[in-house]
Amino acid sequence: MSGVLGSTFAAAAFSLAISALMVAIVLWLSGAPTHAVMFPELPWRLVFGGVIGALFVTGGAMLAPITGAAAFFTCLVAGQLPGAIIADSTGAFGLEKQVLPVWKLAGIALAFTGAVLVRWG
């Protein structure tokens, strides 16, 4: 997309705009009640999540052409695993707490090893 639009930032903006449009359509079709007037009352950490999401999409548009798709997505998954393990083991976001066996840690180590091998192997 950035090759066609001439800019990774334009690609990220267009991708986010399409995503927002699709979510708005699904929200409208679902008939779910929304309280848009409450948006200014959202805690800062929830708004910050949207900022991080935009940076994530923009960073992906910038990094994937440099690293290659395989390395980018392998690193993406490996990078998300520690956060997922923390969320599981602490019960964050309303998840049921899960035990952290050594096998999960070994799996994360293998994912990071895979990311290194895909990138530099």
PDB file of N, CA and C in Angstrom:
ATOM      1  N   MET A   1       0.828  -1.182   0.000  1.00  0.00           N
ATOM      2  CA  MET A   1       0.000   0.000   0.000  1.00  0.00           C
ATOM      3  C   MET A   1       0.874   1.248   0.000  1.00  0.00           C
ATOM      4  N   SER A   2       1.977   1.204   0.759  1.00  0.00           N
ATOM      5  CA  SER A   2       2.833   2.392   0.799  1.00  0.00           C
ATOM      6  C   SER A   2       3.486   2.639  -0.555  1.00  0.00           C
ATOM      7  N   GLY A   3       3.745   1.565  -1.315  1.00  0.00           N
ATOM      8  CA  GLY A   3       4.306   1.746  -2.655  1.00  0.00           C
ATOM      9  C   GLY A   3       3.343   2.453  -3.584  1.00  0.00           C
ATOM     10  N   VAL A   4       2.076   2.132  -3.472  1.00  0.00           N
ATOM     11  CA  VAL A   4       1.059   2.766  -4.323  1.00  0.00           C
ATOM     12  C   VAL A   4       0.786   4.195  -3.870  1.00  0.00           C
ATOM     13  N   LEU A   5       0.692   4.389  -2.552  1.00  0.00           N
ATOM     14  CA  LEU A   5       0.355   5.716  -2.020  1.00  0.00           C
ATOM     15  C   LEU A   5       1.568   6.628  -1.883  1.00  0.00           C
ATOM     16  N   GLY A   6       2.763   6.053  -1.945  1.00  0.00           N
ATOM     17  CA  GLY A   6       3.973   6.858  -1.901  1.00  0.00           C
ATOM     18  C   GLY A   6       4.463   7.215  -0.512  1.00  0.00           C
ATOM     19  N   SER A   7       3.864   6.631   0.526  1.00  0.00           N
ATOM     20  CA  SER A   7       4.260   6.979   1.883  1.00  0.00           C
ATOM     21  C   SER A   7       3.774   5.905   2.847  1.00  0.00           C
ATOM     22  N   THR A   8       4.652   5.519   3.777  1.00  0.00           N
ATOM     23  CA  THR A   8       4.211   4.573   4.796  1.00  0.00           C
ATOM     24  C   THR A   8       3.181   5.214   5.726  1.00  0.00           C
ATOM     25  N   PHE A   9       3.299   6.506   5.941  1.00  0.00           N
ATOM     26  CA  PHE A   9       2.331   7.185   6.806  1.00  0.00           C
ATOM     27  C   PHE A   9       0.958   7.251   6.142  1.00  0.00           C
ATOM     28  N   ALA A  10       0.945   7.481   4.829  1.00  0.00           N
ATOM     29  CA  ALA A  10      -0.330   7.474   4.106  1.00  0.00           C
ATOM     30  C   ALA A  10      -0.945   6.087   4.140  1.00  0.00           C
ATOM     31  N   ALA A  11      -0.112   5.059   3.992  1.00  0.00           N
ATOM     32  CA  ALA A  11      -0.602   3.680   4.049  1.00  0.00           C
ATOM     33  C   ALA A  11      -1.192   3.374   5.419  1.00  0.00           C
ATOM     34  N   ALA A  12      -0.492   3.780   6.472  1.00  0.00           N
ATOM     35  CA  ALA A  12      -0.995   3.547   7.824  1.00  0.00           C
ATOM     36  C   ALA A  12      -2.306   4.299   8.056  1.00  0.00           C
ATOM     37  N   ALA A  13      -2.373   5.538   7.613  1.00  0.00           N
ATOM     38  CA  ALA A  13      -3.594   6.331   7.788  1.00  0.00           C
ATOM     39  C   ALA A  13      -4.763   5.708   7.030  1.00  0.00           C
ATOM     40  N   PHE A  14      -4.506   5.267   5.808  1.00  0.00           N
ATOM     41  CA  PHE A  14      -5.571   4.662   5.013  1.00  0.00           C
ATOM     42  C   PHE A  14      -6.029   3.350   5.646  1.00  0.00           C
ATOM     43  N   SER A  15      -5.081   2.547   6.111  1.00  0.00           N
ATOM     44  CA  SER A  15      -5.420   1.281   6.749  1.00  0.00           C
ATOM     45  C   SER A  15      -6.260   1.516   8.001  1.00  0.00           C
ATOM     46  N   LEU A  16      -5.866   2.476   8.822  1.00  0.00           N
ATOM     47  CA  LEU A  16      -6.624   2.783  10.033  1.00  0.00           C
ATOM     48  C   LEU A  16      -8.000   3.352   9.714  1.00  0.00           C
ATOM     49  N   ALA A  17      -8.096   4.150   8.649  1.00  0.00           N
ATOM     50  CA  ALA A  17      -9.396   4.703   8.253  1.00  0.00           C
ATOM     51  C   ALA A  17     -10.341   3.594   7.798  1.00  0.00           C
ATOM     52  N   ILE A  18      -9.826   2.656   7.018  1.00  0.00           N
ATOM     53  CA  ILE A  18     -10.651   1.530   6.581  1.00  0.00           C
ATOM     54  C   ILE A  18     -11.069   0.688   7.780  1.00  0.00           C
ATOM     55  N   SER A  19     -10.148   0.461   8.703  1.00  0.00           N
ATOM     56  CA  SER A  19     -10.483  -0.298   9.916  1.00  0.00           C
ATOM     57  C   SER A  19     -11.580   0.400  10.709  1.00  0.00           C
ATOM     58  N   ALA A  20     -11.448   1.704  10.884  1.00  0.00           N
ATOM     59  CA  ALA A  20     -12.452   2.459  11.634  1.00  0.00           C
ATOM     60  C   ALA A  20     -13.814   2.389  10.945  1.00  0.00           C
ATOM     61  N   LEU A  21     -13.807   2.506   9.634  1.00  0.00           N
ATOM     62  CA  LEU A  21     -15.057   2.423   8.875  1.00  0.00           C
ATOM     63  C   LEU A  21     -15.700   1.046   9.045  1.00  0.00           C
ATOM     64  N   MET A  22     -14.901  -0.009   8.951  1.00  0.00           N
ATOM     65  CA  MET A  22     -15.444  -1.353   9.079  1.00  0.00           C
ATOM     66  C   MET A  22     -16.005  -1.602  10.478  1.00  0.00           C
ATOM     67  N   VAL A  23     -15.299  -1.149  11.493  1.00  0.00           N
ATOM     68  CA  VAL A  23     -15.793  -1.324  12.861  1.00  0.00           C
ATOM     69  C   VAL A  23     -17.080  -0.523  13.059  1.00  0.00           C
ATOM     70  N   ALA A  24     -17.142   0.676  12.497  1.00  0.00           N
ATOM     71  CA  ALA A  24     -18.357   1.489  12.602  1.00  0.00           C
ATOM     72  C   ALA A  24     -19.535   0.792  11.925  1.00  0.00           C
ATOM     73  N   ILE A  25     -19.292   0.188  10.781  1.00  0.00           N
ATOM     74  CA  ILE A  25     -20.363  -0.524  10.070  1.00  0.00           C
ATOM     75  C   ILE A  25     -20.836  -1.725  10.891  1.00  0.00           C
ATOM     76  N   VAL A  26     -19.898  -2.506  11.423  1.00  0.00           N
ATOM     77  CA  VAL A  26     -20.263  -3.668  12.238  1.00  0.00           C
ATOM     78  C   VAL A  26     -21.011  -3.220  13.495  1.00  0.00           C
ATOM     79  N   LEU A  27     -20.566  -2.146  14.104  1.00  0.00           N
ATOM     80  CA  LEU A  27     -21.256  -1.613  15.277  1.00  0.00           C
ATOM     81  C   LEU A  27     -22.681  -1.213  14.928  1.00  0.00           C
ATOM     82  N   TRP A  28     -22.841  -0.525  13.816  1.00  0.00           N
ATOM     83  CA  TRP A  28     -24.172  -0.084  13.380  1.00  0.00           C
ATOM     84  C   TRP A  28     -25.062  -1.284  13.073  1.00  0.00           C
ATOM     85  N   LEU A  29     -24.515  -2.278  12.351  1.00  0.00           N
ATOM     86  CA  LEU A  29     -25.301  -3.463  11.998  1.00  0.00           C
ATOM     87  C   LEU A  29     -25.659  -4.301  13.208  1.00  0.00           C
ATOM     88  N   SER A  30     -24.815  -4.288  14.232  1.00  0.00           N
ATOM     89  CA  SER A  30     -25.072  -5.098  15.421  1.00  0.00           C
ATOM     90  C   SER A  30     -26.213  -4.544  16.256  1.00  0.00           C
ATOM     91  N   GLY A  31     -26.465  -3.259  16.122  1.00  0.00           N
ATOM     92  CA  GLY A  31     -27.511  -2.635  16.929  1.00  0.00           C
ATOM     93  C   GLY A  31     -27.112  -2.458  18.386  1.00  0.00           C
ATOM     94  N   ALA A  32     -25.842  -2.673  18.675  1.00  0.00           N
ATOM     95  CA  ALA A  32     -25.366  -2.526  20.055  1.00  0.00           C
ATOM     96  C   ALA A  32     -25.502  -1.072  20.494  1.00  0.00           C
ATOM     97  N   PRO A  33     -25.958  -0.863  21.719  1.00  0.00           N
ATOM     98  CA  PRO A  33     -26.081   0.517  22.199  1.00  0.00           C
ATOM     99  C   PRO A  33     -24.702   1.146  22.402  1.00  0.00           C
ATOM    100  N   THR A  34     -24.593   2.396  22.052  1.00  0.00           N
ATOM    101  CA  THR A  34     -23.352   3.123  22.294  1.00  0.00           C
ATOM    102  C   THR A  34     -23.686   4.399  23.049  1.00  0.00           C
ATOM    103  N   HIS A  35     -22.765   4.802  23.834  1.00  0.00           N
ATOM    104  CA  HIS A  35     -22.934   6.020  24.612  1.00  0.00           C
ATOM    105  C   HIS A  35     -21.808   6.969  24.220  1.00  0.00           C
ATOM    106  N   ALA A  36     -21.868   7.459  22.992  1.00  0.00           N
ATOM    107  CA  ALA A  36     -20.797   8.287  22.443  1.00  0.00           C
ATOM    108  C   ALA A  36     -20.525   9.523  23.285  1.00  0.00           C
ATOM    109  N   VAL A  37     -21.530  10.024  23.966  1.00  0.00           N
ATOM    110  CA  VAL A  37     -21.313  11.216  24.794  1.00  0.00           C
ATOM    111  C   VAL A  37     -20.367  10.918  25.951  1.00  0.00           C
ATOM    112  N   MET A  38     -20.145   9.644  26.238  1.00  0.00           N
ATOM    113  CA  MET A  38     -19.253   9.255  27.324  1.00  0.00           C
ATOM    114  C   MET A  38     -17.792   9.156  26.874  1.00  0.00           C
ATOM    115  N   PHE A  39     -17.522   9.299  25.579  1.00  0.00           N
ATOM    116  CA  PHE A  39     -16.147   9.198  25.099  1.00  0.00           C
ATOM    117  C   PHE A  39     -15.194  10.139  25.829  1.00  0.00           C
ATOM    118  N   PRO A  40     -15.575  11.389  26.091  1.00  0.00           N
ATOM    119  CA  PRO A  40     -14.654  12.265  26.843  1.00  0.00           C
ATOM    120  C   PRO A  40     -14.381  11.784  28.267  1.00  0.00           C
ATOM    121  N   GLU A  41     -15.220  10.904  28.780  1.00  0.00           N
ATOM    122  CA  GLU A  41     -15.056  10.402  30.148  1.00  0.00           C
ATOM    123  C   GLU A  41     -14.170   9.163  30.220  1.00  0.00           C
ATOM    124  N   LEU A  42     -13.723   8.653  29.068  1.00  0.00           N
ATOM    125  CA  LEU A  42     -12.890   7.455  29.068  1.00  0.00           C
ATOM    126  C   LEU A  42     -11.591   7.704  29.825  1.00  0.00           C
ATOM    127  N   PRO A  43     -11.134   6.725  30.602  1.00  0.00           N
ATOM    128  CA  PRO A  43      -9.846   6.866  31.278  1.00  0.00           C
ATOM    129  C   PRO A  43      -8.722   7.016  30.248  1.00  0.00           C
ATOM    130  N   TRP A  44      -7.695   7.759  30.608  1.00  0.00           N
ATOM    131  CA  TRP A  44      -6.597   8.046  29.686  1.00  0.00           C
ATOM    132  C   TRP A  44      -5.942   6.774  29.168  1.00  0.00           C
ATOM    133  N   ARG A  45      -5.895   5.721  29.982  1.00  0.00           N
ATOM    134  CA  ARG A  45      -5.214   4.502  29.548  1.00  0.00           C
ATOM    135  C   ARG A  45      -5.948   3.823  28.396  1.00  0.00           C
ATOM    136  N   LEU A  46      -7.255   4.006  28.314  1.00  0.00           N
ATOM    137  CA  LEU A  46      -8.004   3.429  27.200  1.00  0.00           C
ATOM    138  C   LEU A  46      -7.750   4.210  25.917  1.00  0.00           C
ATOM    139  N   VAL A  47      -7.662   5.510  26.008  1.00  0.00           N
ATOM    140  CA  VAL A  47      -7.331   6.339  24.848  1.00  0.00           C
ATOM    141  C   VAL A  47      -5.899   6.074  24.421  1.00  0.00           C
ATOM    142  N   PHE A  48      -5.019   5.894  25.403  1.00  0.00           N
ATOM    143  CA  PHE A  48      -3.621   5.602  25.124  1.00  0.00           C
ATOM    144  C   PHE A  48      -3.490   4.309  24.321  1.00  0.00           C
ATOM    145  N   GLY A  49      -4.364   3.342  24.571  1.00  0.00           N
ATOM    146  CA  GLY A  49      -4.363   2.097  23.806  1.00  0.00           C
ATOM    147  C   GLY A  49      -4.595   2.353  22.325  1.00  0.00           C
ATOM    148  N   GLY A  50      -5.458   3.299  22.005  1.00  0.00           N
ATOM    149  CA  GLY A  50      -5.687   3.657  20.604  1.00  0.00           C
ATOM    150  C   GLY A  50      -4.465   4.296  19.978  1.00  0.00           C
ATOM    151  N   VAL A  51      -3.769   5.101  20.753  1.00  0.00           N
ATOM    152  CA  VAL A  51      -2.535   5.729  20.257  1.00  0.00           C
ATOM    153  C   VAL A  51      -1.489   4.656  19.975  1.00  0.00           C
ATOM    154  N   ILE A  52      -1.359   3.706  20.894  1.00  0.00           N
ATOM    155  CA  ILE A  52      -0.399   2.617  20.701  1.00  0.00           C
ATOM    156  C   ILE A  52      -0.785   1.800  19.469  1.00  0.00           C
ATOM    157  N   GLY A  53      -2.060   1.561  19.266  1.00  0.00           N
ATOM    158  CA  GLY A  53      -2.506   0.822  18.086  1.00  0.00           C
ATOM    159  C   GLY A  53      -2.130   1.527  16.796  1.00  0.00           C
ATOM    160  N   ALA A  54      -2.293   2.846  16.771  1.00  0.00           N
ATOM    161  CA  ALA A  54      -1.924   3.615  15.571  1.00  0.00           C
ATOM    162  C   ALA A  54      -0.420   3.557  15.338  1.00  0.00           C
ATOM    163  N   LEU A  55       0.360   3.653  16.414  1.00  0.00           N
ATOM    164  CA  LEU A  55       1.812   3.544  16.282  1.00  0.00           C
ATOM    165  C   LEU A  55       2.219   2.148  15.819  1.00  0.00           C
ATOM    166  N   PHE A  56       1.497   1.156  16.270  1.00  0.00           N
ATOM    167  CA  PHE A  56       1.754  -0.232  15.883  1.00  0.00           C
ATOM    168  C   PHE A  56       1.550  -0.415  14.376  1.00  0.00           C
ATOM    169  N   VAL A  57       0.441   0.076  13.864  1.00  0.00           N
ATOM    170  CA  VAL A  57       0.160  -0.044  12.432  1.00  0.00           C
ATOM    171  C   VAL A  57       1.190   0.737  11.617  1.00  0.00           C
ATOM    172  N   THR A  58       1.490   1.946  12.049  1.00  0.00           N
ATOM    173  CA  THR A  58       2.475   2.769  11.336  1.00  0.00           C
ATOM    174  C   THR A  58       3.854   2.120  11.379  1.00  0.00           C
ATOM    175  N   GLY A  59       4.245   1.623  12.539  1.00  0.00           N
ATOM    176  CA  GLY A  59       5.532   0.948  12.658  1.00  0.00           C
ATOM    177  C   GLY A  59       5.613  -0.288  11.788  1.00  0.00           C
ATOM    178  N   GLY A  60       4.525  -1.028  11.715  1.00  0.00           N
ATOM    179  CA  GLY A  60       4.486  -2.207  10.858  1.00  0.00           C
ATOM    180  C   GLY A  60       4.659  -1.846   9.394  1.00  0.00           C
ATOM    181  N   ALA A  61       3.996  -0.775   8.979  1.00  0.00           N
ATOM    182  CA  ALA A  61       4.128  -0.336   7.590  1.00  0.00           C
ATOM    183  C   ALA A  61       5.552   0.104   7.281  1.00  0.00           C
ATOM    184  N   MET A  62       6.250   0.611   8.282  1.00  0.00           N
ATOM    185  CA  MET A  62       7.625   1.064   8.076  1.00  0.00           C
ATOM    186  C   MET A  62       8.626  -0.091   8.169  1.00  0.00           C
ATOM    187  N   LEU A  63       8.402  -1.036   9.083  1.00  0.00           N
ATOM    188  CA  LEU A  63       9.387  -2.080   9.333  1.00  0.00           C
ATOM    189  C   LEU A  63       9.295  -3.277   8.393  1.00  0.00           C
ATOM    190  N   ALA A  64       8.101  -3.669   7.999  1.00  0.00           N
ATOM    191  CA  ALA A  64       7.952  -4.869   7.171  1.00  0.00           C
ATOM    192  C   ALA A  64       8.774  -4.803   5.881  1.00  0.00           C
ATOM    193  N   PRO A  65       8.826  -3.674   5.176  1.00  0.00           N
ATOM    194  CA  PRO A  65       9.657  -3.644   3.969  1.00  0.00           C
ATOM    195  C   PRO A  65      11.159  -3.772   4.269  1.00  0.00           C
ATOM    196  N   ILE A  66      11.569  -3.391   5.467  1.00  0.00           N
ATOM    197  CA  ILE A  66      12.983  -3.448   5.833  1.00  0.00           C
ATOM    198  C   ILE A  66      13.369  -4.859   6.278  1.00  0.00           C
ATOM    199  N   THR A  67      12.556  -5.453   7.150  1.00  0.00           N
ATOM    200  CA  THR A  67      12.890  -6.750   7.724  1.00  0.00           C
ATOM    201  C   THR A  67      12.445  -7.920   6.862  1.00  0.00           C
ATOM    202  N   GLY A  68      11.444  -7.703   6.030  1.00  0.00           N
ATOM    203  CA  GLY A  68      10.808  -8.792   5.292  1.00  0.00           C
ATOM    204  C   GLY A  68       9.606  -9.280   6.080  1.00  0.00           C
ATOM    205  N   ALA A  69       8.641  -9.835   5.379  1.00  0.00           N
ATOM    206  CA  ALA A  69       7.387 -10.242   6.011  1.00  0.00           C
ATOM    207  C   ALA A  69       7.590 -11.350   7.038  1.00  0.00           C
ATOM    208  N   ALA A  70       8.406 -12.365   6.708  1.00  0.00           N
ATOM    209  CA  ALA A  70       8.584 -13.502   7.624  1.00  0.00           C
ATOM    210  C   ALA A  70       9.204 -13.046   8.941  1.00  0.00           C
ATOM    211  N   ALA A  71      10.260 -12.266   8.866  1.00  0.00           N
ATOM    212  CA  ALA A  71      10.911 -11.792  10.088  1.00  0.00           C
ATOM    213  C   ALA A  71       9.989 -10.858  10.860  1.00  0.00           C
ATOM    214  N   PHE A  72       9.290  -9.988  10.156  1.00  0.00           N
ATOM    215  CA  PHE A  72       8.393  -9.043  10.829  1.00  0.00           C
ATOM    216  C   PHE A  72       7.325  -9.780  11.626  1.00  0.00           C
ATOM    217  N   PHE A  73       6.651 -10.728  10.998  1.00  0.00           N
ATOM    218  CA  PHE A  73       5.554 -11.405  11.686  1.00  0.00           C
ATOM    219  C   PHE A  73       6.051 -12.373  12.754  1.00  0.00           C
ATOM    220  N   THR A  74       7.211 -12.985  12.549  1.00  0.00           N
ATOM    221  CA  THR A  74       7.776 -13.850  13.590  1.00  0.00           C
ATOM    222  C   THR A  74       8.126 -13.023  14.818  1.00  0.00           C
ATOM    223  N   CYS A  75       8.761 -11.886  14.602  1.00  0.00           N
ATOM    224  CA  CYS A  75       9.101 -10.995  15.723  1.00  0.00           C
ATOM    225  C   CYS A  75       7.844 -10.435  16.376  1.00  0.00           C
ATOM    226  N   LEU A  76       6.836 -10.172  15.585  1.00  0.00           N
ATOM    227  CA  LEU A  76       5.571  -9.660  16.103  1.00  0.00           C
ATOM    228  C   LEU A  76       4.962 -10.648  17.092  1.00  0.00           C
ATOM    229  N   VAL A  77       4.882 -11.898  16.694  1.00  0.00           N
ATOM    230  CA  VAL A  77       4.304 -12.919  17.570  1.00  0.00           C
ATOM    231  C   VAL A  77       5.182 -13.132  18.799  1.00  0.00           C
ATOM    232  N   ALA A  78       6.494 -13.274  18.596  1.00  0.00           N
ATOM    233  CA  ALA A  78       7.403 -13.489  19.726  1.00  0.00           C
ATOM    234  C   ALA A  78       7.337 -12.322  20.704  1.00  0.00           C
ATOM    235  N   GLY A  79       7.195 -11.121  20.198  1.00  0.00           N
ATOM    236  CA  GLY A  79       7.123  -9.947  21.057  1.00  0.00           C
ATOM    237  C   GLY A  79       5.840  -9.859  21.859  1.00  0.00           C
ATOM    238  N   GLN A  80       4.763 -10.437  21.339  1.00  0.00           N
ATOM    239  CA  GLN A  80       3.485 -10.387  22.045  1.00  0.00           C
ATOM    240  C   GLN A  80       3.350 -11.474  23.102  1.00  0.00           C
ATOM    241  N   LEU A  81       4.131 -12.521  22.980  1.00  0.00           N
ATOM    242  CA  LEU A  81       4.007 -13.644  23.916  1.00  0.00           C
ATOM    243  C   LEU A  81       4.281 -13.283  25.371  1.00  0.00           C
ATOM    244  N   PRO A  82       5.329 -12.522  25.695  1.00  0.00           N
ATOM    245  CA  PRO A  82       5.516 -12.176  27.111  1.00  0.00           C
ATOM    246  C   PRO A  82       4.327 -11.427  27.703  1.00  0.00           C
ATOM    247  N   GLY A  83       3.752 -10.524  26.959  1.00  0.00           N
ATOM    248  CA  GLY A  83       2.574  -9.814  27.449  1.00  0.00           C
ATOM    249  C   GLY A  83       1.387 -10.736  27.650  1.00  0.00           C
ATOM    250  N   ALA A  84       1.229 -11.682  26.742  1.00  0.00           N
ATOM    251  CA  ALA A  84       0.139 -12.647  26.864  1.00  0.00           C
ATOM    252  C   ALA A  84       0.326 -13.538  28.086  1.00  0.00           C
ATOM    253  N   ILE A  85       1.565 -13.940  28.336  1.00  0.00           N
ATOM    254  CA  ILE A  85       1.853 -14.772  29.506  1.00  0.00           C
ATOM    255  C   ILE A  85       1.579 -13.994  30.797  1.00  0.00           C
ATOM    256  N   ILE A  86       1.967 -12.729  30.802  1.00  0.00           N
ATOM    257  CA  ILE A  86       1.704 -11.887  31.974  1.00  0.00           C
ATOM    258  C   ILE A  86       0.200 -11.728  32.183  1.00  0.00           C
ATOM    259  N   ALA A  87      -0.527 -11.498  31.098  1.00  0.00           N
ATOM    260  CA  ALA A  87      -1.982 -11.350  31.205  1.00  0.00           C
ATOM    261  C   ALA A  87      -2.615 -12.638  31.725  1.00  0.00           C
ATOM    262  N   ASP A  88      -2.170 -13.788  31.210  1.00  0.00           N
ATOM    263  CA  ASP A  88      -2.713 -15.066  31.672  1.00  0.00           C
ATOM    264  C   ASP A  88      -2.394 -15.326  33.137  1.00  0.00           C
ATOM    265  N   SER A  89      -1.154 -15.093  33.527  1.00  0.00           N
ATOM    266  CA  SER A  89      -0.746 -15.453  34.887  1.00  0.00           C
ATOM    267  C   SER A  89      -1.276 -14.492  35.947  1.00  0.00           C
ATOM    268  N   THR A  90      -1.617 -13.269  35.559  1.00  0.00           N
ATOM    269  CA  THR A  90      -2.152 -12.311  36.532  1.00  0.00           C
ATOM    270  C   THR A  90      -3.663 -12.177  36.473  1.00  0.00           C
ATOM    271  N   GLY A  91      -4.271 -12.735  35.433  1.00  0.00           N
ATOM    272  CA  GLY A  91      -5.719 -12.591  35.280  1.00  0.00           C
ATOM    273  C   GLY A  91      -6.115 -11.211  34.790  1.00  0.00           C
ATOM    274  N   ALA A  92      -5.220 -10.550  34.069  1.00  0.00           N
ATOM    275  CA  ALA A  92      -5.498  -9.206  33.553  1.00  0.00           C
ATOM    276  C   ALA A  92      -6.667  -9.242  32.569  1.00  0.00           C
ATOM    277  N   PHE A  93      -7.347  -8.122  32.459  1.00  0.00           N
ATOM    278  CA  PHE A  93      -8.443  -7.936  31.497  1.00  0.00           C
ATOM    279  C   PHE A  93      -9.595  -8.907  31.722  1.00  0.00           C
ATOM    280  N   GLY A  94      -9.740  -9.383  32.947  1.00  0.00           N
ATOM    281  CA  GLY A  94     -10.834 -10.285  33.267  1.00  0.00           C
ATOM    282  C   GLY A  94     -10.587 -11.730  32.860  1.00  0.00           C
ATOM    283  N   LEU A  95      -9.362 -12.057  32.457  1.00  0.00           N
ATOM    284  CA  LEU A  95      -9.040 -13.439  32.103  1.00  0.00           C
ATOM    285  C   LEU A  95      -8.944 -14.289  33.367  1.00  0.00           C
ATOM    286  N   GLU A  96      -9.189 -15.561  33.208  1.00  0.00           N
ATOM    287  CA  GLU A  96      -9.007 -16.476  34.321  1.00  0.00           C
ATOM    288  C   GLU A  96      -7.508 -16.682  34.521  1.00  0.00           C
ATOM    289  N   LYS A  97      -7.054 -16.585  35.773  1.00  0.00           N
ATOM    290  CA  LYS A  97      -5.632 -16.789  36.069  1.00  0.00           C
ATOM    291  C   LYS A  97      -5.212 -18.195  35.676  1.00  0.00           C
ATOM    292  N   GLN A  98      -4.044 -18.272  35.050  1.00  0.00           N
ATOM    293  CA  GLN A  98      -3.501 -19.568  34.657  1.00  0.00           C
ATOM    294  C   GLN A  98      -2.120 -19.757  35.256  1.00  0.00           C
ATOM    295  N   VAL A  99      -1.802 -20.999  35.542  1.00  0.00           N
ATOM    296  CA  VAL A  99      -0.488 -21.346  36.077  1.00  0.00           C
ATOM    297  C   VAL A  99       0.539 -21.148  34.968  1.00  0.00           C
ATOM    298  N   LEU A 100       1.731 -20.745  35.358  1.00  0.00           N
ATOM    299  CA  LEU A 100       2.809 -20.527  34.392  1.00  0.00           C
ATOM    300  C   LEU A 100       3.823 -21.667  34.498  1.00  0.00           C
ATOM    301  N   PRO A 101       3.559 -22.769  33.790  1.00  0.00           N
ATOM    302  CA  PRO A 101       4.505 -23.879  33.851  1.00  0.00           C
ATOM    303  C   PRO A 101       5.768 -23.579  33.038  1.00  0.00           C
ATOM    304  N   VAL A 102       6.795 -24.330  33.327  1.00  0.00           N
ATOM    305  CA  VAL A 102       8.072 -24.132  32.650  1.00  0.00           C
ATOM    306  C   VAL A 102       7.927 -24.337  31.138  1.00  0.00           C
ATOM    307  N   TRP A 103       6.968 -25.140  30.719  1.00  0.00           N
ATOM    308  CA  TRP A 103       6.787 -25.394  29.282  1.00  0.00           C
ATOM    309  C   TRP A 103       6.368 -24.143  28.532  1.00  0.00           C
ATOM    310  N   LYS A 104       5.604 -23.289  29.183  1.00  0.00           N
ATOM    311  CA  LYS A 104       5.226 -22.034  28.529  1.00  0.00           C
ATOM    312  C   LYS A 104       6.445 -21.132  28.362  1.00  0.00           C
ATOM    313  N   LEU A 105       7.275 -21.086  29.379  1.00  0.00           N
ATOM    314  CA  LEU A 105       8.505 -20.296  29.270  1.00  0.00           C
ATOM    315  C   LEU A 105       9.419 -20.866  28.188  1.00  0.00           C
ATOM    316  N   ALA A 106       9.478 -22.188  28.092  1.00  0.00           N
ATOM    317  CA  ALA A 106      10.275 -22.822  27.042  1.00  0.00           C
ATOM    318  C   ALA A 106       9.700 -22.482  25.665  1.00  0.00           C
ATOM    319  N   GLY A 107       8.394 -22.438  25.561  1.00  0.00           N
ATOM    320  CA  GLY A 107       7.761 -22.075  24.296  1.00  0.00           C
ATOM    321  C   GLY A 107       8.091 -20.650  23.882  1.00  0.00           C
ATOM    322  N   ILE A 108       8.096 -19.733  24.844  1.00  0.00           N
ATOM    323  CA  ILE A 108       8.473 -18.350  24.540  1.00  0.00           C
ATOM    324  C   ILE A 108       9.931 -18.289  24.101  1.00  0.00           C
ATOM    325  N   ALA A 109      10.793 -19.027  24.783  1.00  0.00           N
ATOM    326  CA  ALA A 109      12.207 -19.058  24.393  1.00  0.00           C
ATOM    327  C   ALA A 109      12.361 -19.589  22.971  1.00  0.00           C
ATOM    328  N   LEU A 110      11.598 -20.609  22.628  1.00  0.00           N
ATOM    329  CA  LEU A 110      11.650 -21.143  21.263  1.00  0.00           C
ATOM    330  C   LEU A 110      11.133 -20.130  20.240  1.00  0.00           C
ATOM    331  N   ALA A 111      10.100 -19.390  20.612  1.00  0.00           N
ATOM    332  CA  ALA A 111       9.579 -18.371  19.692  1.00  0.00           C
ATOM    333  C   ALA A 111      10.626 -17.293  19.433  1.00  0.00           C
ATOM    334  N   PHE A 112      11.314 -16.873  20.489  1.00  0.00           N
ATOM    335  CA  PHE A 112      12.373 -15.873  20.312  1.00  0.00           C
ATOM    336  C   PHE A 112      13.536 -16.450  19.500  1.00  0.00           C
ATOM    337  N   THR A 113      13.856 -17.714  19.749  1.00  0.00           N
ATOM    338  CA  THR A 113      14.901 -18.364  18.955  1.00  0.00           C
ATOM    339  C   THR A 113      14.489 -18.409  17.490  1.00  0.00           C
ATOM    340  N   GLY A 114      13.235 -18.733  17.244  1.00  0.00           N
ATOM    341  CA  GLY A 114      12.721 -18.747  15.876  1.00  0.00           C
ATOM    342  C   GLY A 114      12.798 -17.375  15.230  1.00  0.00           C
ATOM    343  N   ALA A 115      12.481 -16.339  15.984  1.00  0.00           N
ATOM    344  CA  ALA A 115      12.545 -14.976  15.439  1.00  0.00           C
ATOM    345  C   ALA A 115      13.972 -14.623  15.044  1.00  0.00           C
ATOM    346  N   VAL A 116      14.919 -15.011  15.893  1.00  0.00           N
ATOM    347  CA  VAL A 116      16.326 -14.740  15.574  1.00  0.00           C
ATOM    348  C   VAL A 116      16.753 -15.515  14.335  1.00  0.00           C
ATOM    349  N   LEU A 117      16.356 -16.792  14.260  1.00  0.00           N
ATOM    350  CA  LEU A 117      16.745 -17.601  13.106  1.00  0.00           C
ATOM    351  C   LEU A 117      16.107 -17.121  11.811  1.00  0.00           C
ATOM    352  N   VAL A 118      14.842 -16.684  11.880  1.00  0.00           N
ATOM    353  CA  VAL A 118      14.178 -16.182  10.678  1.00  0.00           C
ATOM    354  C   VAL A 118      14.838 -14.884  10.209  1.00  0.00           C
ATOM    355  N   ARG A 119      15.231 -14.057  11.152  1.00  0.00           N
ATOM    356  CA  ARG A 119      15.824 -12.759  10.800  1.00  0.00           C
ATOM    357  C   ARG A 119      17.280 -12.881  10.353  1.00  0.00           C
ATOM    358  N   TRP A 120      18.075 -13.652  11.101  1.00  0.00           N
ATOM    359  CA  TRP A 120      19.512 -13.672  10.824  1.00  0.00           C
ATOM    360  C   TRP A 120      20.041 -15.049  10.448  1.00  0.00           C
ATOM    361  N   GLY A 121      19.195 -16.061  10.450  1.00  0.00           N
ATOM    362  CA  GLY A 121      19.664 -17.420  10.182  1.00  0.00           C
ATOM    363  C   GLY A 121      19.800 -17.746   8.712  1.00  0.00           C
TER     364      GLY A 121
END
